[in-house]
């Protein structure tokens, strides 16, 4: 799979991927939630869309934040599959309910 040009990637980010950035050859975004449980619920939703797309992101969870990195390692950069996965992740990034719920205690 061919990597995309930086211009094509930046155009897609500006048009359809709010809060994402292109850095060090990858798409990146930090998602912040009301607590650890909400962050893990997001990771579960992200895993479902990744499995469906047969492509996976790299991520790191820090209590209430999840840093997501999307790139195609085999291609050495960002491909159309990465943009598609980022859009799918974006679609599940918000909590499933509009009710924020209580904040979790402690950290």
PDB file of N, CA and C in Angstrom:
ATOM      1  N   UNK A   1       0.842  -1.171   0.000  1.00  0.00           N
ATOM      2  CA  UNK A   1       0.000   0.000   0.000  1.00  0.00           C
ATOM      3  C   UNK A   1       0.893   1.242   0.000  1.00  0.00           C
ATOM      4  N   UNK A   2       0.568   2.195  -0.848  1.00  0.00           N
ATOM      5  CA  UNK A   2       1.385   3.396  -1.005  1.00  0.00           C
ATOM      6  C   UNK A   2       1.125   4.409   0.102  1.00  0.00           C
ATOM      7  N   UNK A   3       2.182   5.067   0.535  1.00  0.00           N
ATOM      8  CA  UNK A   3       2.023   6.139   1.508  1.00  0.00           C
ATOM      9  C   UNK A   3       1.495   7.385   0.807  1.00  0.00           C
ATOM     10  N   UNK A   4       0.833   8.218   1.576  1.00  0.00           N
ATOM     11  CA  UNK A   4       0.251   9.449   1.055  1.00  0.00           C
ATOM     12  C   UNK A   4       1.217  10.608   1.231  1.00  0.00           C
ATOM     13  N   UNK A   5       1.043  11.634   0.429  1.00  0.00           N
ATOM     14  CA  UNK A   5       1.881  12.825   0.566  1.00  0.00           C
ATOM     15  C   UNK A   5       1.460  13.594   1.819  1.00  0.00           C
ATOM     16  N   UNK A   6       2.384  14.365   2.343  1.00  0.00           N
ATOM     17  CA  UNK A   6       2.069  15.179   3.513  1.00  0.00           C
ATOM     18  C   UNK A   6       0.923  16.138   3.202  1.00  0.00           C
ATOM     19  N   UNK A   7       0.903  16.698   2.004  1.00  0.00           N
ATOM     20  CA  UNK A   7      -0.172  17.624   1.624  1.00  0.00           C
ATOM     21  C   UNK A   7      -1.532  16.926   1.643  1.00  0.00           C
ATOM     22  N   UNK A   8      -1.602  15.714   1.117  1.00  0.00           N
ATOM     23  CA  UNK A   8      -2.863  14.971   1.104  1.00  0.00           C
ATOM     24  C   UNK A   8      -3.312  14.642   2.522  1.00  0.00           C
ATOM     25  N   UNK A   9      -2.371  14.284   3.366  1.00  0.00           N
ATOM     26  CA  UNK A   9      -2.684  13.953   4.757  1.00  0.00           C
ATOM     27  C   UNK A   9      -3.206  15.195   5.483  1.00  0.00           C
ATOM     28  N   UNK A  10      -2.524  16.306   5.336  1.00  0.00           N
ATOM     29  CA  UNK A  10      -2.940  17.539   6.024  1.00  0.00           C
ATOM     30  C   UNK A  10      -4.304  18.024   5.532  1.00  0.00           C
ATOM     31  N   UNK A  11      -4.581  17.854   4.249  1.00  0.00           N
ATOM     32  CA  UNK A  11      -5.885  18.232   3.703  1.00  0.00           C
ATOM     33  C   UNK A  11      -6.990  17.397   4.343  1.00  0.00           C
ATOM     34  N   UNK A  12      -6.756  16.110   4.472  1.00  0.00           N
ATOM     35  CA  UNK A  12      -7.745  15.218   5.098  1.00  0.00           C
ATOM     36  C   UNK A  12      -7.930  15.551   6.572  1.00  0.00           C
ATOM     37  N   UNK A  13      -6.860  15.838   7.271  1.00  0.00           N
ATOM     38  CA  UNK A  13      -6.962  16.205   8.691  1.00  0.00           C
ATOM     39  C   UNK A  13      -7.816  17.461   8.840  1.00  0.00           C
ATOM     40  N   UNK A  14      -7.527  18.467   8.045  1.00  0.00           N
ATOM     41  CA  UNK A  14      -8.276  19.723   8.141  1.00  0.00           C
ATOM     42  C   UNK A  14      -9.747  19.530   7.811  1.00  0.00           C
ATOM     43  N   UNK A  15     -10.053  18.657   6.866  1.00  0.00           N
ATOM     44  CA  UNK A  15     -11.425  18.477   6.412  1.00  0.00           C
ATOM     45  C   UNK A  15     -12.249  17.534   7.287  1.00  0.00           C
ATOM     46  N   UNK A  16     -11.620  16.473   7.815  1.00  0.00           N
ATOM     47  CA  UNK A  16     -12.427  15.415   8.421  1.00  0.00           C
ATOM     48  C   UNK A  16     -11.918  14.849   9.736  1.00  0.00           C
ATOM     49  N   UNK A  17     -10.787  15.344  10.234  1.00  0.00           N
ATOM     50  CA  UNK A  17     -10.218  14.760  11.449  1.00  0.00           C
ATOM     51  C   UNK A  17      -9.861  15.849  12.466  1.00  0.00           C
ATOM     52  N   UNK A  18     -10.873  16.428  13.108  1.00  0.00           N
ATOM     53  CA  UNK A  18     -10.612  17.508  14.063  1.00  0.00           C
ATOM     54  C   UNK A  18      -9.745  17.037  15.230  1.00  0.00           C
ATOM     55  N   UNK A  19      -8.747  17.831  15.542  1.00  0.00           N
ATOM     56  CA  UNK A  19      -7.878  17.526  16.674  1.00  0.00           C
ATOM     57  C   UNK A  19      -6.738  16.570  16.367  1.00  0.00           C
ATOM     58  N   UNK A  20      -6.744  15.966  15.183  1.00  0.00           N
ATOM     59  CA  UNK A  20      -5.660  15.074  14.795  1.00  0.00           C
ATOM     60  C   UNK A  20      -4.518  15.910  14.252  1.00  0.00           C
ATOM     61  N   UNK A  21      -3.317  15.340  14.313  1.00  0.00           N
ATOM     62  CA  UNK A  21      -2.155  16.007  13.729  1.00  0.00           C
ATOM     63  C   UNK A  21      -1.292  14.971  13.022  1.00  0.00           C
ATOM     64  N   UNK A  22      -0.477  15.452  12.110  1.00  0.00           N
ATOM     65  CA  UNK A  22       0.475  14.592  11.409  1.00  0.00           C
ATOM     66  C   UNK A  22       1.846  14.946  11.946  1.00  0.00           C
ATOM     67  N   UNK A  23       2.508  13.955  12.561  1.00  0.00           N
ATOM     68  CA  UNK A  23       3.798  14.211  13.197  1.00  0.00           C
ATOM     69  C   UNK A  23       4.617  12.919  13.166  1.00  0.00           C
ATOM     70  N   UNK A  24       5.870  13.044  12.821  1.00  0.00           N
ATOM     71  CA  UNK A  24       6.786  11.904  12.791  1.00  0.00           C
ATOM     72  C   UNK A  24       6.237  10.738  11.982  1.00  0.00           C
ATOM     73  N   UNK A  25       5.631  11.050  10.829  1.00  0.00           N
ATOM     74  CA  UNK A  25       5.154  10.013   9.922  1.00  0.00           C
ATOM     75  C   UNK A  25       3.907   9.276  10.358  1.00  0.00           C
ATOM     76  N   UNK A  26       3.140   9.865  11.279  1.00  0.00           N
ATOM     77  CA  UNK A  26       1.945   9.185  11.787  1.00  0.00           C
ATOM     78  C   UNK A  26       0.842  10.190  12.081  1.00  0.00           C
ATOM     79  N   UNK A  27      -0.383   9.688  12.132  1.00  0.00           N
ATOM     80  CA  UNK A  27      -1.525  10.460  12.591  1.00  0.00           C
ATOM     81  C   UNK A  27      -1.600  10.298  14.100  1.00  0.00           C
ATOM     82  N   UNK A  28      -1.856  11.404  14.807  1.00  0.00           N
ATOM     83  CA  UNK A  28      -1.846  11.356  16.273  1.00  0.00           C
ATOM     84  C   UNK A  28      -2.983  12.195  16.840  1.00  0.00           C
ATOM     85  N   UNK A  29      -3.555  11.694  17.925  1.00  0.00           N
ATOM     86  CA  UNK A  29      -4.555  12.477  18.653  1.00  0.00           C
ATOM     87  C   UNK A  29      -4.595  12.028  20.100  1.00  0.00           C
ATOM     88  N   UNK A  30      -4.822  12.988  20.996  1.00  0.00           N
ATOM     89  CA  UNK A  30      -5.033  12.702  22.416  1.00  0.00           C
ATOM     90  C   UNK A  30      -6.519  12.879  22.716  1.00  0.00           C
ATOM     91  N   UNK A  31      -7.124  11.842  23.252  1.00  0.00           N
ATOM     92  CA  UNK A  31      -8.517  11.873  23.685  1.00  0.00           C
ATOM     93  C   UNK A  31      -8.524  11.963  25.208  1.00  0.00           C
ATOM     94  N   UNK A  32      -9.359  12.833  25.761  1.00  0.00           N
ATOM     95  CA  UNK A  32      -9.453  12.995  27.206  1.00  0.00           C
ATOM     96  C   UNK A  32     -10.875  12.671  27.660  1.00  0.00           C
ATOM     97  N   UNK A  33     -10.975  11.920  28.760  1.00  0.00           N
ATOM     98  CA  UNK A  33     -12.259  11.448  29.256  1.00  0.00           C
ATOM     99  C   UNK A  33     -12.437  11.856  30.710  1.00  0.00           C
ATOM    100  N   UNK A  34     -13.598  11.538  31.285  1.00  0.00           N
ATOM    101  CA  UNK A  34     -13.908  11.933  32.660  1.00  0.00           C
ATOM    102  C   UNK A  34     -13.214  11.072  33.698  1.00  0.00           C
ATOM    103  N   UNK A  35     -12.586   9.999  33.275  1.00  0.00           N
ATOM    104  CA  UNK A  35     -11.884   9.140  34.219  1.00  0.00           C
ATOM    105  C   UNK A  35     -11.376   7.891  33.527  1.00  0.00           C
ATOM    106  N   UNK A  36     -10.775   7.024  34.315  1.00  0.00           N
ATOM    107  CA  UNK A  36     -10.156   5.817  33.790  1.00  0.00           C
ATOM    108  C   UNK A  36     -11.159   4.883  33.118  1.00  0.00           C
ATOM    109  N   UNK A  37     -12.307   4.678  33.742  1.00  0.00           N
ATOM    110  CA  UNK A  37     -13.297   3.762  33.190  1.00  0.00           C
ATOM    111  C   UNK A  37     -13.771   4.234  31.820  1.00  0.00           C
ATOM    112  N   UNK A  38     -13.997   5.526  31.660  1.00  0.00           N
ATOM    113  CA  UNK A  38     -14.423   6.078  30.370  1.00  0.00           C
ATOM    114  C   UNK A  38     -13.318   5.931  29.327  1.00  0.00           C
ATOM    115  N   UNK A  39     -12.072   6.097  29.744  1.00  0.00           N
ATOM    116  CA  UNK A  39     -10.953   5.925  28.812  1.00  0.00           C
ATOM    117  C   UNK A  39     -10.862   4.479  28.337  1.00  0.00           C
ATOM    118  N   UNK A  40     -11.040   3.541  29.248  1.00  0.00           N
ATOM    119  CA  UNK A  40     -10.992   2.124  28.871  1.00  0.00           C
ATOM    120  C   UNK A  40     -12.179   1.761  27.989  1.00  0.00           C
ATOM    121  N   UNK A  41     -13.346   2.341  28.238  1.00  0.00           N
ATOM    122  CA  UNK A  41     -14.510   2.090  27.376  1.00  0.00           C
ATOM    123  C   UNK A  41     -14.221   2.568  25.949  1.00  0.00           C
ATOM    124  N   UNK A  42     -13.542   3.704  25.834  1.00  0.00           N
ATOM    125  CA  UNK A  42     -13.142   4.184  24.510  1.00  0.00           C
ATOM    126  C   UNK A  42     -12.188   3.191  23.839  1.00  0.00           C
ATOM    127  N   UNK A  43     -11.232   2.682  24.584  1.00  0.00           N
ATOM    128  CA  UNK A  43     -10.289   1.706  24.018  1.00  0.00           C
ATOM    129  C   UNK A  43     -11.048   0.478  23.508  1.00  0.00           C
ATOM    130  N   UNK A  44     -12.059   0.045  24.244  1.00  0.00           N
ATOM    131  CA  UNK A  44     -12.878  -1.085  23.791  1.00  0.00           C
ATOM    132  C   UNK A  44     -13.587  -0.754  22.473  1.00  0.00           C
ATOM    133  N   UNK A  45     -14.168   0.448  22.384  1.00  0.00           N
ATOM    134  CA  UNK A  45     -14.845   0.853  21.141  1.00  0.00           C
ATOM    135  C   UNK A  45     -13.831   0.963  20.002  1.00  0.00           C
ATOM    136  N   UNK A  46     -12.661   1.498  20.305  1.00  0.00           N
ATOM    137  CA  UNK A  46     -11.611   1.632  19.298  1.00  0.00           C
ATOM    138  C   UNK A  46     -11.172   0.249  18.812  1.00  0.00           C
ATOM    139  N   UNK A  47     -11.076  -0.705  19.711  1.00  0.00           N
ATOM    140  CA  UNK A  47     -10.688  -2.065  19.326  1.00  0.00           C
ATOM    141  C   UNK A  47     -11.714  -2.678  18.378  1.00  0.00           C
ATOM    142  N   UNK A  48     -12.981  -2.401  18.608  1.00  0.00           N
ATOM    143  CA  UNK A  48     -14.025  -2.934  17.729  1.00  0.00           C
ATOM    144  C   UNK A  48     -13.889  -2.390  16.310  1.00  0.00           C
ATOM    145  N   UNK A  49     -13.664  -1.079  16.161  1.00  0.00           N
ATOM    146  CA  UNK A  49     -13.543  -0.521  14.805  1.00  0.00           C
ATOM    147  C   UNK A  49     -12.228  -0.953  14.165  1.00  0.00           C
ATOM    148  N   UNK A  50     -11.190  -1.120  14.969  1.00  0.00           N
ATOM    149  CA  UNK A  50      -9.910  -1.582  14.420  1.00  0.00           C
ATOM    150  C   UNK A  50     -10.040  -3.012  13.906  1.00  0.00           C
ATOM    151  N   UNK A  51     -10.703  -3.858  14.672  1.00  0.00           N
ATOM    152  CA  UNK A  51     -10.900  -5.242  14.250  1.00  0.00           C
ATOM    153  C   UNK A  51     -11.713  -5.286  12.957  1.00  0.00           C
ATOM    154  N   UNK A  52     -12.760  -4.481  12.876  1.00  0.00           N
ATOM    155  CA  UNK A  52     -13.599  -4.449  11.674  1.00  0.00           C
ATOM    156  C   UNK A  52     -12.813  -3.964  10.451  1.00  0.00           C
ATOM    157  N   UNK A  53     -11.861  -3.065  10.675  1.00  0.00           N
ATOM    158  CA  UNK A  53     -11.085  -2.527   9.552  1.00  0.00           C
ATOM    159  C   UNK A  53      -9.857  -3.385   9.232  1.00  0.00           C
ATOM    160  N   UNK A  54      -9.589  -4.364  10.084  1.00  0.00           N
ATOM    161  CA  UNK A  54      -8.411  -5.230   9.914  1.00  0.00           C
ATOM    162  C   UNK A  54      -7.114  -4.398   9.902  1.00  0.00           C
ATOM    163  N   UNK A  55      -7.094  -3.387  10.750  1.00  0.00           N
ATOM    164  CA  UNK A  55      -5.951  -2.486  10.882  1.00  0.00           C
ATOM    165  C   UNK A  55      -5.967  -2.034  12.336  1.00  0.00           C
ATOM    166  N   UNK A  56      -4.833  -1.784  12.942  1.00  0.00           N
ATOM    167  CA  UNK A  56      -4.848  -1.417  14.356  1.00  0.00           C
ATOM    168  C   UNK A  56      -4.014  -0.165  14.616  1.00  0.00           C
ATOM    169  N   UNK A  57      -4.431   0.603  15.623  1.00  0.00           N
ATOM    170  CA  UNK A  57      -3.651   1.755  16.049  1.00  0.00           C
ATOM    171  C   UNK A  57      -2.685   1.353  17.164  1.00  0.00           C
ATOM    172  N   UNK A  58      -1.731   2.200  17.419  1.00  0.00           N
ATOM    173  CA  UNK A  58      -0.956   2.110  18.652  1.00  0.00           C
ATOM    174  C   UNK A  58      -1.610   3.095  19.614  1.00  0.00           C
ATOM    175  N   UNK A  59      -1.598   2.779  20.898  1.00  0.00           N
ATOM    176  CA  UNK A  59      -2.192   3.703  21.857  1.00  0.00           C
ATOM    177  C   UNK A  59      -1.554   3.510  23.224  1.00  0.00           C
ATOM    178  N   UNK A  60      -1.717   4.545  24.032  1.00  0.00           N
ATOM    179  CA  UNK A  60      -1.227   4.504  25.407  1.00  0.00           C
ATOM    180  C   UNK A  60      -2.267   5.197  26.288  1.00  0.00           C
ATOM    181  N   UNK A  61      -2.665   4.537  27.356  1.00  0.00           N
ATOM    182  CA  UNK A  61      -3.656   5.088  28.273  1.00  0.00           C
ATOM    183  C   UNK A  61      -2.950   5.603  29.525  1.00  0.00           C
ATOM    184  N   UNK A  62      -3.268   6.844  29.884  1.00  0.00           N
ATOM    185  CA  UNK A  62      -2.760   7.470  31.108  1.00  0.00           C
ATOM    186  C   UNK A  62      -3.968   7.960  31.899  1.00  0.00           C
ATOM    187  N   UNK A  63      -4.492   7.128  32.735  1.00  0.00           N
ATOM    188  CA  UNK A  63      -5.663   7.380  33.562  1.00  0.00           C
ATOM    189  C   UNK A  63      -6.854   7.863  32.731  1.00  0.00           C
ATOM    190  N   UNK A  64      -6.978   9.170  32.455  1.00  0.00           N
ATOM    191  CA  UNK A  64      -8.152   9.676  31.743  1.00  0.00           C
ATOM    192  C   UNK A  64      -7.834  10.140  30.319  1.00  0.00           C
ATOM    193  N   UNK A  65      -6.634   9.888  29.857  1.00  0.00           N
ATOM    194  CA  UNK A  65      -6.270  10.257  28.490  1.00  0.00           C
ATOM    195  C   UNK A  65      -5.785   9.025  27.731  1.00  0.00           C
ATOM    196  N   UNK A  66      -6.090   9.034  26.440  1.00  0.00           N
ATOM    197  CA  UNK A  66      -5.628   7.969  25.555  1.00  0.00           C
ATOM    198  C   UNK A  66      -4.962   8.637  24.361  1.00  0.00           C
ATOM    199  N   UNK A  67      -3.675   8.378  24.196  1.00  0.00           N
ATOM    200  CA  UNK A  67      -2.931   8.871  23.040  1.00  0.00           C
ATOM    201  C   UNK A  67      -2.993   7.803  21.960  1.00  0.00           C
ATOM    202  N   UNK A  68      -3.466   8.200  20.772  1.00  0.00           N
ATOM    203  CA  UNK A  68      -3.638   7.268  19.663  1.00  0.00           C
ATOM    204  C   UNK A  68      -2.671   7.641  18.543  1.00  0.00           C
ATOM    205  N   UNK A  69      -2.009   6.640  17.997  1.00  0.00           N
ATOM    206  CA  UNK A  69      -1.079   6.817  16.875  1.00  0.00           C
ATOM    207  C   UNK A  69      -1.489   5.836  15.788  1.00  0.00           C
ATOM    208  N   UNK A  70      -1.669   6.361  14.565  1.00  0.00           N
ATOM    209  CA  UNK A  70      -2.076   5.520  13.446  1.00  0.00           C
ATOM    210  C   UNK A  70      -1.074   5.699  12.310  1.00  0.00           C
ATOM    211  N   UNK A  71      -0.481   4.606  11.889  1.00  0.00           N
ATOM    212  CA  UNK A  71       0.440   4.585  10.757  1.00  0.00           C
ATOM    213  C   UNK A  71       0.511   3.151  10.240  1.00  0.00           C
ATOM    214  N   UNK A  72       0.991   2.993   9.036  1.00  0.00           N
ATOM    215  CA  UNK A  72       1.191   1.649   8.496  1.00  0.00           C
ATOM    216  C   UNK A  72       2.681   1.364   8.537  1.00  0.00           C
ATOM    217  N   UNK A  73       3.098   0.597   9.513  1.00  0.00           N
ATOM    218  CA  UNK A  73       4.524   0.330   9.712  1.00  0.00           C
ATOM    219  C   UNK A  73       5.160  -0.302   8.472  1.00  0.00           C
ATOM    220  N   UNK A  74       4.465  -1.247   7.856  1.00  0.00           N
ATOM    221  CA  UNK A  74       5.021  -1.947   6.690  1.00  0.00           C
ATOM    222  C   UNK A  74       5.251  -1.011   5.511  1.00  0.00           C
ATOM    223  N   UNK A  75       4.420   0.041   5.401  1.00  0.00           N
ATOM    224  CA  UNK A  75       4.566   0.993   4.297  1.00  0.00           C
ATOM    225  C   UNK A  75       5.521   2.129   4.653  1.00  0.00           C
ATOM    226  N   UNK A  76       5.797   2.283   5.932  1.00  0.00           N
ATOM    227  CA  UNK A  76       6.701   3.337   6.368  1.00  0.00           C
ATOM    228  C   UNK A  76       6.067   4.718   6.417  1.00  0.00           C
ATOM    229  N   UNK A  77       4.762   4.769   6.640  1.00  0.00           N
ATOM    230  CA  UNK A  77       4.082   6.061   6.725  1.00  0.00           C
ATOM    231  C   UNK A  77       2.583   5.908   6.737  1.00  0.00           C
ATOM    232  N   UNK A  78       1.906   7.009   6.438  1.00  0.00           N
ATOM    233  CA  UNK A  78       0.449   7.046   6.473  1.00  0.00           C
ATOM    234  C   UNK A  78      -0.117   6.654   5.110  1.00  0.00           C
ATOM    235  N   UNK A  79      -1.096   5.756   5.146  1.00  0.00           N
ATOM    236  CA  UNK A  79      -1.764   5.280   3.933  1.00  0.00           C
ATOM    237  C   UNK A  79      -3.253   5.615   4.017  1.00  0.00           C
ATOM    238  N   UNK A  80      -3.974   5.316   2.946  1.00  0.00           N
ATOM    239  CA  UNK A  80      -5.424   5.523   2.944  1.00  0.00           C
ATOM    240  C   UNK A  80      -6.091   4.714   4.058  1.00  0.00           C
ATOM    241  N   UNK A  81      -5.563   3.535   4.363  1.00  0.00           N
ATOM    242  CA  UNK A  81      -6.117   2.712   5.446  1.00  0.00           C
ATOM    243  C   UNK A  81      -5.990   3.419   6.791  1.00  0.00           C
ATOM    244  N   UNK A  82      -4.920   4.170   6.985  1.00  0.00           N
ATOM    245  CA  UNK A  82      -4.733   4.903   8.241  1.00  0.00           C
ATOM    246  C   UNK A  82      -5.754   6.026   8.377  1.00  0.00           C
ATOM    247  N   UNK A  83      -5.995   6.747   7.287  1.00  0.00           N
ATOM    248  CA  UNK A  83      -6.996   7.810   7.329  1.00  0.00           C
ATOM    249  C   UNK A  83      -8.376   7.230   7.607  1.00  0.00           C
ATOM    250  N   UNK A  84      -8.685   6.122   6.986  1.00  0.00           N
ATOM    251  CA  UNK A  84      -9.970   5.466   7.214  1.00  0.00           C
ATOM    252  C   UNK A  84     -10.107   5.027   8.670  1.00  0.00           C
ATOM    253  N   UNK A  85      -9.054   4.441   9.227  1.00  0.00           N
ATOM    254  CA  UNK A  85      -9.085   4.020  10.627  1.00  0.00           C
ATOM    255  C   UNK A  85      -9.207   5.226  11.549  1.00  0.00           C
ATOM    256  N   UNK A  86      -8.491   6.303  11.273  1.00  0.00           N
ATOM    257  CA  UNK A  86      -8.591   7.506  12.107  1.00  0.00           C
ATOM    258  C   UNK A  86     -10.018   8.050  12.100  1.00  0.00           C
ATOM    259  N   UNK A  87     -10.673   8.054  10.943  1.00  0.00           N
ATOM    260  CA  UNK A  87     -12.066   8.508  10.875  1.00  0.00           C
ATOM    261  C   UNK A  87     -12.966   7.592  11.708  1.00  0.00           C
ATOM    262  N   UNK A  88     -12.736   6.293  11.642  1.00  0.00           N
ATOM    263  CA  UNK A  88     -13.536   5.350  12.431  1.00  0.00           C
ATOM    264  C   UNK A  88     -13.300   5.551  13.927  1.00  0.00           C
ATOM    265  N   UNK A  89     -12.061   5.768  14.315  1.00  0.00           N
ATOM    266  CA  UNK A  89     -11.746   6.037  15.729  1.00  0.00           C
ATOM    267  C   UNK A  89     -12.405   7.329  16.166  1.00  0.00           C
ATOM    268  N   UNK A  90     -12.342   8.332  15.338  1.00  0.00           N
ATOM    269  CA  UNK A  90     -12.979   9.622  15.647  1.00  0.00           C
ATOM    270  C   UNK A  90     -14.473   9.427  15.898  1.00  0.00           C
ATOM    271  N   UNK A  91     -15.102   8.549  15.139  1.00  0.00           N
ATOM    272  CA  UNK A  91     -16.545   8.344  15.273  1.00  0.00           C
ATOM    273  C   UNK A  91     -16.930   7.695  16.598  1.00  0.00           C
ATOM    274  N   UNK A  92     -15.989   7.015  17.258  1.00  0.00           N
ATOM    275  CA  UNK A  92     -16.282   6.385  18.547  1.00  0.00           C
ATOM    276  C   UNK A  92     -15.568   7.089  19.701  1.00  0.00           C
ATOM    277  N   UNK A  93     -14.978   8.242  19.430  1.00  0.00           N
ATOM    278  CA  UNK A  93     -14.191   8.943  20.440  1.00  0.00           C
ATOM    279  C   UNK A  93     -15.003   9.563  21.550  1.00  0.00           C
ATOM    280  N   UNK A  94     -16.234   9.963  21.246  1.00  0.00           N
ATOM    281  CA  UNK A  94     -17.073  10.566  22.277  1.00  0.00           C
ATOM    282  C   UNK A  94     -17.753   9.466  23.079  1.00  0.00           C
ATOM    283  N   UNK A  95     -18.036   9.727  24.346  1.00  0.00           N
ATOM    284  CA  UNK A  95     -18.761   8.733  25.137  1.00  0.00           C
ATOM    285  C   UNK A  95     -20.092   8.402  24.467  1.00  0.00           C
ATOM    286  N   UNK A  96     -20.587   7.172  24.583  1.00  0.00           N
ATOM    287  CA  UNK A  96     -21.811   6.777  23.908  1.00  0.00           C
ATOM    288  C   UNK A  96     -23.048   7.505  24.401  1.00  0.00           C
ATOM    289  N   UNK A  97     -22.976   8.133  25.555  1.00  0.00           N
ATOM    290  CA  UNK A  97     -24.116   8.858  26.114  1.00  0.00           C
ATOM    291  C   UNK A  97     -23.776  10.330  26.187  1.00  0.00           C
ATOM    292  N   UNK A  98     -24.772  11.185  25.986  1.00  0.00           N
ATOM    293  CA  UNK A  98     -24.516  12.620  26.109  1.00  0.00           C
ATOM    294  C   UNK A  98     -24.420  13.039  27.564  1.00  0.00           C
ATOM    295  N   UNK A  99     -24.843  12.195  28.479  1.00  0.00           N
ATOM    296  CA  UNK A  99     -24.745  12.470  29.899  1.00  0.00           C
ATOM    297  C   UNK A  99     -23.327  12.226  30.371  1.00  0.00           C
ATOM    298  N   UNK A 100     -22.667  13.250  30.935  1.00  0.00           N
ATOM    299  CA  UNK A 100     -21.276  13.072  31.320  1.00  0.00           C
ATOM    300  C   UNK A 100     -21.054  12.099  32.470  1.00  0.00           C
ATOM    301  N   UNK A 101     -22.061  11.918  33.340  1.00  0.00           N
ATOM    302  CA  UNK A 101     -21.885  11.003  34.470  1.00  0.00           C
ATOM    303  C   UNK A 101     -20.965  11.593  35.516  1.00  0.00           C
ATOM    304  N   UNK A 102     -20.847  10.932  36.634  1.00  0.00           N
ATOM    305  CA  UNK A 102     -19.994  11.447  37.710  1.00  0.00           C
ATOM    306  C   UNK A 102     -18.510  11.275  37.392  1.00  0.00           C
ATOM    307  N   UNK A 103     -17.737  12.187  37.931  1.00  0.00           N
ATOM    308  CA  UNK A 103     -16.294  12.037  37.785  1.00  0.00           C
ATOM    309  C   UNK A 103     -15.823  10.919  38.685  1.00  0.00           C
ATOM    310  N   UNK A 104     -14.777  10.259  38.268  1.00  0.00           N
ATOM    311  CA  UNK A 104     -14.232   9.184  39.076  1.00  0.00           C
ATOM    312  C   UNK A 104     -13.330   9.769  40.152  1.00  0.00           C
ATOM    313  N   UNK A 105     -13.349   9.204  41.333  1.00  0.00           N
ATOM    314  CA  UNK A 105     -12.502   9.717  42.401  1.00  0.00           C
ATOM    315  C   UNK A 105     -11.047   9.313  42.214  1.00  0.00           C
ATOM    316  N   UNK A 106     -10.181  10.108  42.768  1.00  0.00           N
ATOM    317  CA  UNK A 106      -8.769   9.753  42.819  1.00  0.00           C
ATOM    318  C   UNK A 106      -8.080   9.732  41.486  1.00  0.00           C
ATOM    319  N   UNK A 107      -6.810   9.541  41.551  1.00  0.00           N
ATOM    320  CA  UNK A 107      -5.999   9.463  40.338  1.00  0.00           C
ATOM    321  C   UNK A 107      -4.807   8.632  40.593  1.00  0.00           C
TER     322      UNK A 107
END
